[in-house]
Amino acid sequence: MAQNKQIKIKLVRGLIGASETQKRVVRGLGLTKKDQVVEHFNTPTIMGMVNKVSHLVEVAE
């Protein structure tokens, strides 16, 4: 199912100028530096976090 699928999340913009909430969401995804890539399972929780900061990250299947 889609739940078991891994997605790659890349931070494509820096966090300068981002709100504190957005910084916390990005940190919660495990991203600390620009151009860093992390892998997560495609769950509703992770996708909700990605949607909150969609202008800062890129998602690859």
Foldseek 3Di string as FASTA:
>chain_A
DQQADKKKKAFADDCVVPDPVLVVLCVVVVDDDHGDIDIDGPDPVNVVSCVVPVVGMDMGD
